[in-house]
Amino acid sequence: MTDFHNLEDWLEWIDELSDKHYVVVDHFLSQPLYTTLKNYFVEHQELFTQAGIGSLDNHQVRTKIRGDKTYWLDANRDVDLNSFWHLVQETKNVLNRYCYLSLSGHEFHLAHYPPGGHYARHLDQFEERSNRMITMIVYLNDGWKTGDGGELEIFEPDKSLSLIQPLGNRCVLFKSGVVPHAVLKSHKDRYSLTGWLTYQPKGLAWI
């Protein structure tokens, strides 16, 4: 049983995810949930810290590679987002049932790219920790236009590039260890909720 999206939609998205390794879904959240996330972002923005690369003991802040600031979320602490956590669970349940992924955990943060912020090409995996299976991004940018920058750049297997605009209430799901990607330079403040669905949670880490 699914509460947020009907099964037919989920199966269509899963087919595209399986075929292309990523899928883009517009209007992913209900309007009340989207508004809740945006308000939560604003209320906690003073707690954001400069993001880094690498995990745990290898964590480094290198703004020439990555220029965003983040605030890590905790389902036990951030109970105002319970509706979103239920959606995350639904997502894991559907992927487990139809893709046999055995997803059991997740980790999410809010991300703010200021003007000039970008993230060079990378994979959402670590050499020393490979439990991230599916990346899940929800963009929180109203009124985003062509020319504002900040596109998600997907490096396709055939060497071509696909650009995904970070439009408000657009969700992107992709295979964390398979899809090389980058965030192009943003020309205005760019907001998102980004996370990873994992099969063996091992505590908090960074990418």
N, C-alpha and C. Protein backbone atom coordinates (compact mmCIF):
# COMPACT_ATOMS: atom_id res chain seq x y z
N MET A 1 0.85 -1.20 0.00
CA MET A 1 0.00 0.00 0.00
C MET A 1 0.88 1.25 0.00
N THR A 2 0.53 2.23 -0.81
CA THR A 2 1.26 3.49 -0.87
C THR A 2 0.32 4.64 -0.55
N ASP A 3 0.80 5.59 0.24
CA ASP A 3 -0.03 6.69 0.71
C ASP A 3 0.23 7.99 -0.06
N PHE A 4 1.44 8.18 -0.56
CA PHE A 4 1.81 9.46 -1.17
C PHE A 4 1.63 9.45 -2.69
N HIS A 5 1.94 8.33 -3.32
CA HIS A 5 1.81 8.22 -4.77
C HIS A 5 1.19 6.87 -5.09
N ASN A 6 0.42 6.82 -6.17
CA ASN A 6 -0.20 5.55 -6.51
C ASN A 6 0.85 4.60 -7.09
N LEU A 7 0.55 3.32 -7.00
CA LEU A 7 1.52 2.30 -7.40
C LEU A 7 1.87 2.39 -8.88
N GLU A 8 0.91 2.75 -9.72
CA GLU A 8 1.19 2.87 -11.14
C GLU A 8 2.28 3.90 -11.42
N ASP A 9 2.20 5.04 -10.71
CA ASP A 9 3.24 6.05 -10.88
C ASP A 9 4.60 5.53 -10.41
N TRP A 10 4.60 4.90 -9.24
CA TRP A 10 5.85 4.36 -8.71
C TRP A 10 6.48 3.39 -9.71
N LEU A 11 5.69 2.50 -10.27
CA LEU A 11 6.22 1.50 -11.19
C LEU A 11 6.76 2.15 -12.47
N GLU A 12 6.11 3.20 -12.93
CA GLU A 12 6.62 3.93 -14.10
C GLU A 12 7.97 4.55 -13.79
N TRP A 13 8.09 5.18 -12.60
CA TRP A 13 9.35 5.80 -12.21
C TRP A 13 10.45 4.75 -12.03
N ILE A 14 10.09 3.61 -11.45
CA ILE A 14 11.07 2.55 -11.24
C ILE A 14 11.58 2.02 -12.57
N ASP A 15 10.69 1.87 -13.54
CA ASP A 15 11.11 1.40 -14.86
C ASP A 15 12.14 2.35 -15.47
N GLU A 16 11.87 3.66 -15.35
CA GLU A 16 12.81 4.63 -15.91
C GLU A 16 14.12 4.63 -15.13
N LEU A 17 14.05 4.51 -13.81
CA LEU A 17 15.25 4.43 -12.98
C LEU A 17 16.09 3.21 -13.36
N SER A 18 15.43 2.09 -13.59
CA SER A 18 16.15 0.87 -13.96
C SER A 18 16.79 1.00 -15.34
N ASP A 19 16.10 1.66 -16.25
CA ASP A 19 16.57 1.77 -17.62
C ASP A 19 17.66 2.82 -17.79
N LYS A 20 17.45 4.02 -17.23
CA LYS A 20 18.37 5.13 -17.45
C LYS A 20 19.31 5.37 -16.28
N HIS A 21 19.06 4.71 -15.15
CA HIS A 21 19.81 4.88 -13.90
C HIS A 21 19.42 6.15 -13.15
N TYR A 22 18.51 6.95 -13.72
CA TYR A 22 17.97 8.10 -13.00
C TYR A 22 16.58 8.39 -13.52
N VAL A 23 15.80 9.11 -12.71
CA VAL A 23 14.46 9.51 -13.10
C VAL A 23 14.16 10.87 -12.50
N VAL A 24 13.45 11.71 -13.25
CA VAL A 24 13.05 13.04 -12.80
C VAL A 24 11.54 13.05 -12.63
N VAL A 25 11.09 13.47 -11.44
CA VAL A 25 9.66 13.49 -11.13
C VAL A 25 9.27 14.89 -10.69
N ASP A 26 8.41 15.55 -11.44
CA ASP A 26 7.93 16.87 -11.05
C ASP A 26 6.71 16.75 -10.13
N HIS A 27 6.51 17.78 -9.30
CA HIS A 27 5.39 17.83 -8.35
C HIS A 27 5.40 16.59 -7.45
N PHE A 28 6.58 16.26 -6.94
CA PHE A 28 6.76 15.04 -6.16
C PHE A 28 6.08 15.11 -4.79
N LEU A 29 6.07 16.30 -4.20
CA LEU A 29 5.50 16.49 -2.87
C LEU A 29 4.14 17.15 -2.97
N SER A 30 3.29 16.88 -2.00
CA SER A 30 2.06 17.66 -1.88
C SER A 30 2.44 19.11 -1.59
N GLN A 31 1.57 20.03 -1.93
CA GLN A 31 1.89 21.44 -1.68
C GLN A 31 2.10 21.73 -0.20
N PRO A 32 1.28 21.18 0.72
CA PRO A 32 1.55 21.43 2.15
C PRO A 32 2.92 20.92 2.59
N LEU A 33 3.34 19.73 2.11
CA LEU A 33 4.63 19.20 2.50
C LEU A 33 5.76 20.03 1.90
N TYR A 34 5.60 20.44 0.65
CA TYR A 34 6.60 21.29 0.02
C TYR A 34 6.77 22.60 0.80
N THR A 35 5.67 23.20 1.22
CA THR A 35 5.73 24.44 2.00
C THR A 35 6.40 24.21 3.35
N THR A 36 6.09 23.09 3.98
CA THR A 36 6.72 22.75 5.26
C THR A 36 8.23 22.66 5.12
N LEU A 37 8.70 21.99 4.08
CA LEU A 37 10.14 21.84 3.88
C LEU A 37 10.80 23.19 3.61
N LYS A 38 10.16 24.03 2.82
CA LYS A 38 10.74 25.34 2.54
C LYS A 38 10.82 26.18 3.81
N ASN A 39 9.78 26.16 4.61
CA ASN A 39 9.78 26.92 5.85
C ASN A 39 10.84 26.38 6.82
N TYR A 40 10.98 25.07 6.88
CA TYR A 40 11.99 24.45 7.76
C TYR A 40 13.38 24.88 7.34
N PHE A 41 13.60 24.94 6.04
CA PHE A 41 14.88 25.39 5.51
C PHE A 41 15.21 26.79 6.02
N VAL A 42 14.26 27.70 5.88
CA VAL A 42 14.48 29.10 6.28
C VAL A 42 14.73 29.19 7.78
N GLU A 43 13.96 28.45 8.56
CA GLU A 43 14.06 28.51 10.01
C GLU A 43 15.40 27.99 10.54
N HIS A 44 16.08 27.14 9.78
CA HIS A 44 17.32 26.52 10.26
C HIS A 44 18.56 26.98 9.50
N GLN A 45 18.42 27.97 8.65
CA GLN A 45 19.53 28.33 7.77
C GLN A 45 20.74 28.85 8.53
N GLU A 46 20.53 29.44 9.69
CA GLU A 46 21.68 29.94 10.46
C GLU A 46 22.53 28.81 11.02
N LEU A 47 22.02 27.58 10.99
CA LEU A 47 22.76 26.43 11.51
C LEU A 47 23.56 25.71 10.43
N PHE A 48 23.47 26.16 9.20
CA PHE A 48 24.19 25.50 8.10
C PHE A 48 25.70 25.69 8.27
N THR A 49 26.46 24.69 7.84
CA THR A 49 27.92 24.76 7.87
C THR A 49 28.48 24.42 6.50
N GLN A 50 29.70 24.87 6.25
CA GLN A 50 30.33 24.62 4.96
C GLN A 50 30.49 23.12 4.72
N ALA A 51 30.01 22.66 3.57
CA ALA A 51 30.08 21.24 3.24
C ALA A 51 31.49 20.87 2.79
N GLY A 52 31.81 19.59 2.95
CA GLY A 52 33.11 19.10 2.55
C GLY A 52 32.99 17.88 1.67
N ILE A 53 34.13 17.26 1.40
CA ILE A 53 34.16 16.03 0.62
C ILE A 53 34.86 14.96 1.42
N GLY A 54 34.59 13.70 1.08
CA GLY A 54 35.18 12.59 1.83
C GLY A 54 34.34 12.24 3.04
N SER A 55 34.62 11.09 3.62
CA SER A 55 33.83 10.61 4.75
C SER A 55 34.68 10.52 6.00
N LEU A 56 34.03 10.78 7.13
CA LEU A 56 34.60 10.54 8.44
C LEU A 56 36.00 11.14 8.55
N ASP A 57 37.06 10.32 8.77
CA ASP A 57 38.40 10.85 8.99
C ASP A 57 39.00 11.50 7.75
N ASN A 58 38.41 11.24 6.58
CA ASN A 58 38.92 11.81 5.34
C ASN A 58 38.18 13.09 4.93
N HIS A 59 37.31 13.58 5.81
CA HIS A 59 36.49 14.74 5.48
C HIS A 59 37.35 15.99 5.34
N GLN A 60 37.17 16.72 4.21
CA GLN A 60 37.90 17.95 3.95
C GLN A 60 36.97 19.00 3.36
N VAL A 61 37.19 20.25 3.74
CA VAL A 61 36.48 21.36 3.11
C VAL A 61 37.35 21.88 1.98
N ARG A 62 36.83 21.76 0.74
CA ARG A 62 37.57 22.21 -0.44
C ARG A 62 36.57 22.94 -1.35
N THR A 63 36.48 24.24 -1.14
CA THR A 63 35.43 25.02 -1.81
C THR A 63 35.63 25.12 -3.31
N LYS A 64 36.85 24.84 -3.81
CA LYS A 64 37.04 24.83 -5.26
C LYS A 64 36.36 23.63 -5.90
N ILE A 65 36.08 22.60 -5.09
CA ILE A 65 35.38 21.42 -5.58
C ILE A 65 33.91 21.47 -5.23
N ARG A 66 33.62 21.92 -4.02
CA ARG A 66 32.24 21.92 -3.52
C ARG A 66 31.97 23.21 -2.76
N GLY A 67 30.90 23.93 -3.15
CA GLY A 67 30.68 25.26 -2.59
C GLY A 67 29.40 25.46 -1.82
N ASP A 68 28.75 24.37 -1.40
CA ASP A 68 27.47 24.54 -0.70
C ASP A 68 27.64 24.48 0.80
N LYS A 69 26.59 24.89 1.50
CA LYS A 69 26.49 24.75 2.95
C LYS A 69 25.32 23.81 3.24
N THR A 70 25.46 23.03 4.32
CA THR A 70 24.46 22.00 4.59
C THR A 70 24.05 21.99 6.06
N TYR A 71 22.87 21.41 6.26
CA TYR A 71 22.36 21.15 7.61
C TYR A 71 21.83 19.72 7.62
N TRP A 72 22.48 18.85 8.38
CA TRP A 72 22.10 17.44 8.42
C TRP A 72 20.84 17.23 9.25
N LEU A 73 19.95 16.41 8.72
CA LEU A 73 18.67 16.15 9.36
C LEU A 73 18.72 14.84 10.15
N ASP A 74 17.84 14.76 11.14
CA ASP A 74 17.73 13.58 11.99
C ASP A 74 16.25 13.32 12.22
N ALA A 75 15.78 12.15 11.82
CA ALA A 75 14.35 11.85 11.93
C ALA A 75 13.87 11.89 13.37
N ASN A 76 14.73 11.55 14.32
CA ASN A 76 14.33 11.57 15.74
C ASN A 76 14.24 12.99 16.28
N ARG A 77 15.06 13.87 15.77
CA ARG A 77 15.06 15.26 16.21
C ARG A 77 14.09 16.11 15.41
N ASP A 78 14.10 15.94 14.10
CA ASP A 78 13.34 16.81 13.20
C ASP A 78 11.95 16.24 12.97
N VAL A 79 11.17 16.18 14.05
CA VAL A 79 9.85 15.55 14.00
C VAL A 79 8.83 16.41 13.25
N ASP A 80 9.13 17.68 13.06
CA ASP A 80 8.23 18.51 12.25
C ASP A 80 8.19 18.04 10.80
N LEU A 81 9.15 17.20 10.42
CA LEU A 81 9.22 16.68 9.06
C LEU A 81 8.73 15.24 8.98
N ASN A 82 7.91 14.83 9.94
CA ASN A 82 7.47 13.43 9.98
C ASN A 82 6.79 12.99 8.69
N SER A 83 6.04 13.87 8.07
CA SER A 83 5.38 13.50 6.82
C SER A 83 6.42 13.17 5.75
N PHE A 84 7.49 13.94 5.72
CA PHE A 84 8.55 13.63 4.76
C PHE A 84 9.22 12.31 5.08
N TRP A 85 9.48 12.03 6.36
CA TRP A 85 10.10 10.76 6.73
C TRP A 85 9.20 9.58 6.33
N HIS A 86 7.90 9.76 6.41
CA HIS A 86 6.98 8.70 5.97
C HIS A 86 7.09 8.50 4.45
N LEU A 87 7.26 9.59 3.71
CA LEU A 87 7.45 9.47 2.27
C LEU A 87 8.76 8.74 1.96
N VAL A 88 9.80 9.04 2.70
CA VAL A 88 11.07 8.33 2.52
C VAL A 88 10.89 6.84 2.75
N GLN A 89 10.13 6.49 3.79
CA GLN A 89 9.89 5.08 4.06
C GLN A 89 9.10 4.42 2.94
N GLU A 90 8.11 5.14 2.41
CA GLU A 90 7.36 4.60 1.28
C GLU A 90 8.28 4.36 0.09
N THR A 91 9.17 5.31 -0.17
CA THR A 91 10.12 5.16 -1.27
C THR A 91 10.98 3.92 -1.08
N LYS A 92 11.50 3.72 0.12
CA LYS A 92 12.32 2.54 0.39
C LYS A 92 11.50 1.26 0.23
N ASN A 93 10.28 1.28 0.73
CA ASN A 93 9.44 0.08 0.65
C ASN A 93 9.19 -0.33 -0.79
N VAL A 94 8.87 0.66 -1.63
CA VAL A 94 8.59 0.35 -3.03
C VAL A 94 9.85 -0.16 -3.74
N LEU A 95 10.98 0.49 -3.51
CA LEU A 95 12.22 0.06 -4.14
C LEU A 95 12.64 -1.32 -3.65
N ASN A 96 12.43 -1.58 -2.38
CA ASN A 96 12.78 -2.91 -1.85
C ASN A 96 11.92 -3.99 -2.48
N ARG A 97 10.64 -3.71 -2.63
CA ARG A 97 9.73 -4.73 -3.14
C ARG A 97 9.95 -5.01 -4.62
N TYR A 98 10.18 -3.96 -5.41
CA TYR A 98 10.22 -4.14 -6.86
C TYR A 98 11.63 -4.11 -7.45
N CYS A 99 12.61 -3.68 -6.67
CA CYS A 99 13.99 -3.66 -7.16
C CYS A 99 14.92 -4.54 -6.33
N TYR A 100 14.39 -5.12 -5.26
CA TYR A 100 15.17 -6.06 -4.42
C TYR A 100 16.46 -5.43 -3.89
N LEU A 101 16.34 -4.22 -3.35
CA LEU A 101 17.53 -3.49 -2.92
C LEU A 101 17.86 -3.67 -1.45
N SER A 102 16.95 -4.12 -0.62
CA SER A 102 17.19 -4.30 0.83
C SER A 102 17.60 -2.99 1.50
N LEU A 103 16.96 -1.90 1.11
CA LEU A 103 17.25 -0.61 1.73
C LEU A 103 16.76 -0.61 3.17
N SER A 104 17.62 -0.17 4.08
CA SER A 104 17.24 -0.20 5.49
C SER A 104 17.48 1.11 6.22
N GLY A 105 18.17 2.05 5.60
CA GLY A 105 18.47 3.31 6.28
C GLY A 105 18.44 4.48 5.32
N HIS A 106 18.73 5.65 5.85
CA HIS A 106 18.79 6.85 5.01
C HIS A 106 19.58 7.92 5.74
N GLU A 107 20.03 8.90 4.99
CA GLU A 107 20.71 10.09 5.54
C GLU A 107 20.37 11.25 4.62
N PHE A 108 19.98 12.37 5.23
CA PHE A 108 19.52 13.53 4.46
C PHE A 108 20.09 14.82 5.03
N HIS A 109 20.29 15.78 4.15
CA HIS A 109 20.61 17.13 4.61
C HIS A 109 19.92 18.15 3.72
N LEU A 110 19.76 19.35 4.26
CA LEU A 110 19.37 20.52 3.48
C LEU A 110 20.63 21.14 2.92
N ALA A 111 20.57 21.64 1.69
CA ALA A 111 21.76 22.20 1.05
C ALA A 111 21.45 23.57 0.45
N HIS A 112 22.37 24.49 0.65
CA HIS A 112 22.26 25.84 0.10
C HIS A 112 23.51 26.15 -0.70
N TYR A 113 23.32 26.34 -2.01
CA TYR A 113 24.40 26.83 -2.86
C TYR A 113 24.22 28.33 -3.03
N PRO A 114 25.13 29.16 -2.51
CA PRO A 114 25.03 30.60 -2.74
C PRO A 114 25.45 30.92 -4.17
N PRO A 115 25.21 32.13 -4.64
CA PRO A 115 25.68 32.50 -5.98
C PRO A 115 27.16 32.18 -6.14
N GLY A 116 27.50 31.50 -7.21
CA GLY A 116 28.88 31.06 -7.45
C GLY A 116 29.16 29.65 -6.96
N GLY A 117 28.25 29.08 -6.15
CA GLY A 117 28.44 27.74 -5.63
C GLY A 117 28.29 26.68 -6.71
N HIS A 118 29.08 25.62 -6.58
CA HIS A 118 29.03 24.52 -7.54
C HIS A 118 29.57 23.27 -6.85
N TYR A 119 29.50 22.15 -7.57
CA TYR A 119 30.08 20.90 -7.08
C TYR A 119 30.62 20.16 -8.29
N ALA A 120 31.94 19.92 -8.29
CA ALA A 120 32.58 19.26 -9.42
C ALA A 120 32.09 17.82 -9.58
N ARG A 121 32.38 17.23 -10.72
CA ARG A 121 31.95 15.87 -11.03
C ARG A 121 32.36 14.89 -9.93
N HIS A 122 31.42 14.01 -9.57
CA HIS A 122 31.68 13.03 -8.52
C HIS A 122 30.64 11.92 -8.57
N LEU A 123 30.87 10.88 -7.79
CA LEU A 123 29.90 9.84 -7.51
C LEU A 123 29.49 9.94 -6.05
N ASP A 124 28.26 9.55 -5.74
CA ASP A 124 27.79 9.59 -4.36
C ASP A 124 28.16 8.31 -3.62
N GLN A 125 29.41 7.92 -3.72
CA GLN A 125 29.91 6.74 -3.03
C GLN A 125 31.29 7.07 -2.47
N PHE A 126 31.67 6.30 -1.46
CA PHE A 126 33.01 6.41 -0.91
C PHE A 126 33.76 5.12 -1.18
N GLU A 127 35.07 5.21 -1.36
CA GLU A 127 35.86 3.99 -1.53
C GLU A 127 35.78 3.11 -0.29
N GLU A 128 35.73 3.75 0.88
CA GLU A 128 35.74 2.99 2.12
C GLU A 128 34.34 2.70 2.65
N ARG A 129 33.31 3.19 1.95
CA ARG A 129 31.94 2.96 2.42
C ARG A 129 31.01 3.04 1.23
N SER A 130 30.44 1.90 0.86
CA SER A 130 29.69 1.83 -0.40
C SER A 130 28.23 1.49 -0.18
N ASN A 131 27.64 1.96 0.93
CA ASN A 131 26.28 1.53 1.25
C ASN A 131 25.20 2.47 0.71
N ARG A 132 25.58 3.56 0.08
CA ARG A 132 24.59 4.44 -0.53
C ARG A 132 24.13 3.83 -1.86
N MET A 133 22.83 3.56 -1.95
CA MET A 133 22.30 2.90 -3.13
C MET A 133 21.55 3.85 -4.06
N ILE A 134 20.67 4.67 -3.49
CA ILE A 134 19.84 5.58 -4.28
C ILE A 134 19.97 6.99 -3.72
N THR A 135 20.31 7.93 -4.59
CA THR A 135 20.33 9.35 -4.22
C THR A 135 18.94 9.93 -4.50
N MET A 136 18.49 10.76 -3.57
CA MET A 136 17.16 11.37 -3.67
C MET A 136 17.29 12.87 -3.42
N ILE A 137 16.96 13.67 -4.41
CA ILE A 137 17.05 15.13 -4.32
C ILE A 137 15.68 15.72 -4.54
N VAL A 138 15.29 16.66 -3.68
CA VAL A 138 14.07 17.44 -3.88
C VAL A 138 14.48 18.91 -3.90
N TYR A 139 14.20 19.59 -5.00
CA TYR A 139 14.57 20.99 -5.13
C TYR A 139 13.50 21.89 -4.52
N LEU A 140 13.97 23.01 -3.94
CA LEU A 140 13.09 23.92 -3.21
C LEU A 140 13.18 25.34 -3.77
N ASN A 141 13.31 25.44 -5.09
CA ASN A 141 13.55 26.73 -5.74
C ASN A 141 12.32 27.17 -6.55
N ASP A 142 11.60 28.13 -6.03
CA ASP A 142 10.47 28.68 -6.78
C ASP A 142 10.96 29.73 -7.78
N GLY A 143 10.34 29.76 -8.93
CA GLY A 143 10.67 30.79 -9.92
C GLY A 143 12.01 30.61 -10.58
N TRP A 144 12.56 29.39 -10.58
CA TRP A 144 13.86 29.17 -11.22
C TRP A 144 13.72 29.25 -12.73
N LYS A 145 14.66 29.95 -13.38
CA LYS A 145 14.58 30.18 -14.81
C LYS A 145 15.85 29.70 -15.51
N THR A 146 15.72 29.42 -16.80
CA THR A 146 16.89 29.15 -17.63
C THR A 146 17.82 30.35 -17.54
N GLY A 147 19.07 30.10 -17.30
CA GLY A 147 20.04 31.17 -17.11
C GLY A 147 20.41 31.39 -15.65
N ASP A 148 19.64 30.81 -14.73
CA ASP A 148 19.95 30.93 -13.30
C ASP A 148 21.06 29.98 -12.88
N GLY A 149 21.44 29.04 -13.78
CA GLY A 149 22.52 28.11 -13.48
C GLY A 149 22.05 27.04 -12.50
N GLY A 150 23.03 26.42 -11.82
CA GLY A 150 22.74 25.45 -10.79
C GLY A 150 22.16 24.14 -11.28
N GLU A 151 22.29 23.85 -12.59
CA GLU A 151 21.73 22.59 -13.10
C GLU A 151 22.48 21.39 -12.54
N LEU A 152 21.76 20.30 -12.38
CA LEU A 152 22.36 19.01 -12.11
C LEU A 152 22.83 18.45 -13.46
N GLU A 153 24.12 18.21 -13.58
CA GLU A 153 24.69 17.71 -14.82
C GLU A 153 24.93 16.21 -14.69
N ILE A 154 24.27 15.43 -15.53
CA ILE A 154 24.39 13.97 -15.52
C ILE A 154 25.33 13.57 -16.67
N PHE A 155 26.34 12.77 -16.34
CA PHE A 155 27.27 12.25 -17.33
C PHE A 155 26.76 10.88 -17.78
N GLU A 156 26.23 10.84 -19.00
CA GLU A 156 25.58 9.63 -19.51
C GLU A 156 26.62 8.58 -19.93
N PRO A 157 26.21 7.30 -19.95
CA PRO A 157 27.15 6.25 -20.37
C PRO A 157 27.72 6.43 -21.76
N ASP A 158 26.98 7.10 -22.67
CA ASP A 158 27.47 7.30 -24.04
C ASP A 158 28.31 8.57 -24.16
N LYS A 159 28.72 9.14 -23.02
CA LYS A 159 29.58 10.33 -22.95
C LYS A 159 28.82 11.64 -23.19
N SER A 160 27.52 11.57 -23.44
CA SER A 160 26.73 12.79 -23.57
C SER A 160 26.40 13.34 -22.19
N LEU A 161 25.89 14.57 -22.16
CA LEU A 161 25.55 15.24 -20.92
C LEU A 161 24.06 15.56 -20.90
N SER A 162 23.44 15.39 -19.75
CA SER A 162 22.05 15.79 -19.56
C SER A 162 22.00 16.82 -18.44
N LEU A 163 21.27 17.90 -18.66
CA LEU A 163 21.15 18.96 -17.67
C LEU A 163 19.74 18.96 -17.11
N ILE A 164 19.64 18.97 -15.78
CA ILE A 164 18.35 18.96 -15.10
C ILE A 164 18.22 20.25 -14.30
N GLN A 165 17.21 21.05 -14.64
CA GLN A 165 16.99 22.31 -13.93
C GLN A 165 16.51 22.01 -12.50
N PRO A 166 16.99 22.76 -11.51
CA PRO A 166 16.59 22.54 -10.11
C PRO A 166 15.26 23.23 -9.78
N LEU A 167 14.21 22.83 -10.46
CA LEU A 167 12.91 23.49 -10.30
C LEU A 167 12.24 23.08 -9.00
N GLY A 168 11.50 24.01 -8.42
CA GLY A 168 10.81 23.76 -7.17
C GLY A 168 9.89 22.54 -7.25
N ASN A 169 9.98 21.68 -6.24
CA ASN A 169 9.16 20.46 -6.12
C ASN A 169 9.48 19.42 -7.19
N ARG A 170 10.65 19.51 -7.76
CA ARG A 170 11.14 18.47 -8.67
C ARG A 170 12.02 17.51 -7.86
N CYS A 171 11.79 16.22 -8.04
CA CYS A 171 12.59 15.19 -7.38
C CYS A 171 13.43 14.46 -8.42
N VAL A 172 14.67 14.19 -8.09
CA VAL A 172 15.53 13.36 -8.92
C VAL A 172 16.00 12.18 -8.08
N LEU A 173 15.79 10.98 -8.61
CA LEU A 173 16.30 9.75 -8.02
C LEU A 173 17.33 9.17 -8.96
N PHE A 174 18.48 8.75 -8.43
CA PHE A 174 19.45 8.07 -9.28
C PHE A 174 20.29 7.09 -8.47
N LYS A 175 20.93 6.19 -9.19
CA LYS A 175 21.76 5.16 -8.57
C LYS A 175 23.06 5.79 -8.10
N SER A 176 23.28 5.77 -6.80
CA SER A 176 24.36 6.55 -6.20
C SER A 176 25.74 6.16 -6.71
N GLY A 177 25.99 4.88 -6.89
CA GLY A 177 27.31 4.42 -7.28
C GLY A 177 27.51 4.28 -8.76
N VAL A 178 26.51 4.69 -9.56
CA VAL A 178 26.54 4.45 -11.01
C VAL A 178 26.55 5.74 -11.81
N VAL A 179 25.93 6.79 -11.29
CA VAL A 179 25.69 8.02 -12.07
C VAL A 179 26.67 9.12 -11.68
N PRO A 180 27.70 9.37 -12.50
CA PRO A 180 28.55 10.54 -12.25
C PRO A 180 27.75 11.81 -12.53
N HIS A 181 27.96 12.81 -11.69
CA HIS A 181 27.18 14.02 -11.83
C HIS A 181 27.93 15.20 -11.23
N ALA A 182 27.43 16.39 -11.54
CA ALA A 182 28.00 17.62 -11.01
C ALA A 182 26.86 18.62 -10.82
N VAL A 183 27.14 19.65 -10.04
CA VAL A 183 26.23 20.80 -9.92
C VAL A 183 26.93 21.98 -10.56
N LEU A 184 26.34 22.53 -11.61
CA LEU A 184 26.94 23.66 -12.29
C LEU A 184 26.82 24.93 -11.44
N LYS A 185 27.67 25.89 -11.74
CA LYS A 185 27.69 27.13 -10.96
C LYS A 185 26.31 27.77 -10.93
N SER A 186 25.88 28.09 -9.73
CA SER A 186 24.58 28.74 -9.56
C SER A 186 24.77 30.25 -9.58
N HIS A 187 23.82 30.94 -10.23
CA HIS A 187 23.89 32.39 -10.31
C HIS A 187 22.95 33.06 -9.30
N LYS A 188 22.27 32.27 -8.51
CA LYS A 188 21.42 32.79 -7.44
C LYS A 188 21.36 31.72 -6.35
N ASP A 189 20.77 32.05 -5.22
CA ASP A 189 20.68 31.08 -4.13
C ASP A 189 19.88 29.86 -4.58
N ARG A 190 20.45 28.68 -4.35
CA ARG A 190 19.87 27.42 -4.81
C ARG A 190 19.66 26.52 -3.60
N TYR A 191 18.44 26.00 -3.44
CA TYR A 191 18.08 25.25 -2.24
C TYR A 191 17.61 23.84 -2.62
N SER A 192 17.98 22.87 -1.79
CA SER A 192 17.53 21.50 -2.04
C SER A 192 17.54 20.70 -0.74
N LEU A 193 16.82 19.61 -0.79
CA LEU A 193 16.87 18.57 0.23
C LEU A 193 17.47 17.36 -0.46
N THR A 194 18.62 16.92 0.03
CA THR A 194 19.37 15.86 -0.63
C THR A 194 19.63 14.72 0.34
N GLY A 195 19.48 13.51 -0.15
CA GLY A 195 19.72 12.38 0.74
C GLY A 195 20.05 11.11 -0.02
N TRP A 196 20.30 10.06 0.77
CA TRP A 196 20.71 8.78 0.24
C TRP A 196 19.97 7.67 0.97
N LEU A 197 19.46 6.74 0.20
CA LEU A 197 18.81 5.56 0.74
C LEU A 197 19.86 4.47 0.79
N THR A 198 20.05 3.89 1.96
CA THR A 198 21.19 3.02 2.20
C THR A 198 20.75 1.61 2.57
N TYR A 199 21.64 0.66 2.35
CA TYR A 199 21.32 -0.72 2.71
C TYR A 199 22.00 -1.17 3.98
N GLN A 200 22.93 -0.37 4.49
CA GLN A 200 23.62 -0.74 5.71
C GLN A 200 24.08 0.52 6.42
N PRO A 201 23.18 1.20 7.12
CA PRO A 201 23.55 2.49 7.73
C PRO A 201 24.70 2.34 8.70
N LYS A 202 25.69 3.25 8.55
CA LYS A 202 26.88 3.19 9.40
C LYS A 202 27.17 4.55 10.03
N GLY A 203 26.14 5.29 10.35
CA GLY A 203 26.37 6.57 10.96
C GLY A 203 26.48 7.68 9.93
N LEU A 204 26.68 8.88 10.38
CA LEU A 204 26.66 10.06 9.53
C LEU A 204 27.97 10.23 8.81
N ALA A 205 27.89 10.59 7.55
CA ALA A 205 29.10 10.88 6.78
C ALA A 205 28.79 11.99 5.80
N TRP A 206 29.76 12.34 4.98
CA TRP A 206 29.59 13.48 4.08
C TRP A 206 30.00 13.08 2.67
N ILE A 207 29.47 13.83 1.69
CA ILE A 207 30.00 13.71 0.34
C ILE A 207 30.37 15.12 -0.14
